[in-house]
């Protein structure tokens, strides 16, 4: 599914908040990467997000 930039921002923002509050990280990450937003962006790129988008028709 192709996401708009607004959907991507919402998804990455919500997931980074979850990560910053202690949610488990769903990908293998480099040891030096600690920024929740960067981790959420990596999860988004690797399609490992547990978040879905419902669009109105």
Protein backbone atom coordinates (compact mmCIF):
# COMPACT_ATOMS: atom_id res chain seq x y z
CA UNK A 1 0.00 0.00 0.00
CA UNK A 2 1.27 3.45 -0.89
CA UNK A 3 0.97 5.93 1.97
CA UNK A 4 0.65 9.68 1.68
CA UNK A 5 3.20 11.84 3.46
CA UNK A 6 0.57 12.68 6.07
CA UNK A 7 -0.17 9.01 6.78
CA UNK A 8 3.54 8.26 7.02
CA UNK A 9 4.07 11.14 9.46
CA UNK A 10 1.17 9.95 11.61
CA UNK A 11 2.33 6.32 11.60
CA UNK A 12 5.98 7.12 12.36
CA UNK A 13 4.97 9.61 15.05
CA UNK A 14 2.63 7.18 16.78
CA UNK A 15 5.18 4.35 16.64
CA UNK A 16 8.02 6.55 17.91
CA UNK A 17 5.85 7.53 20.87
CA UNK A 18 5.24 3.86 21.61
CA UNK A 19 8.98 3.13 21.41
CA UNK A 20 9.83 6.06 23.68
CA UNK A 21 7.35 4.72 26.24
CA UNK A 22 9.03 1.31 26.30
CA UNK A 23 7.39 -0.74 23.53
CA UNK A 24 9.60 -3.49 22.11
CA UNK A 25 11.52 -2.71 18.93
CA UNK A 26 10.49 -5.01 16.08
CA UNK A 27 13.69 -4.88 14.01
CA UNK A 28 17.38 -5.42 14.55
CA UNK A 29 18.94 -2.00 14.97
CA UNK A 30 22.51 -0.72 15.16
CA UNK A 31 23.74 -0.31 18.74
CA UNK A 32 24.43 3.40 18.26
CA UNK A 33 20.85 4.15 17.15
CA UNK A 34 18.80 5.33 20.14
CA UNK A 35 16.49 7.98 18.65
CA UNK A 36 12.87 6.68 18.73
CA UNK A 37 11.95 8.57 15.55
CA UNK A 38 14.86 7.06 13.60
CA UNK A 39 13.98 3.59 14.88
CA UNK A 40 10.34 4.07 13.88
CA UNK A 41 11.43 5.22 10.40
CA UNK A 42 13.55 2.08 10.02
CA UNK A 43 10.59 -0.07 11.05
CA UNK A 44 8.44 1.76 8.50
CA UNK A 45 10.98 1.22 5.72
CA UNK A 46 11.27 -2.50 6.55
CA UNK A 47 7.47 -2.83 6.70
CA UNK A 48 7.55 -4.08 10.29
CA UNK A 49 4.96 -1.64 11.67
CA UNK A 50 2.10 -3.04 13.74
CA UNK A 51 -0.04 -0.07 12.67
CA UNK A 52 -2.59 -0.06 9.84
CA UNK A 53 -4.42 2.73 8.04
CA UNK A 54 -8.13 2.66 7.29
CA UNK A 55 -9.19 5.02 4.55
CA UNK A 56 -12.72 6.31 4.10
CA UNK A 57 -14.21 5.44 0.75
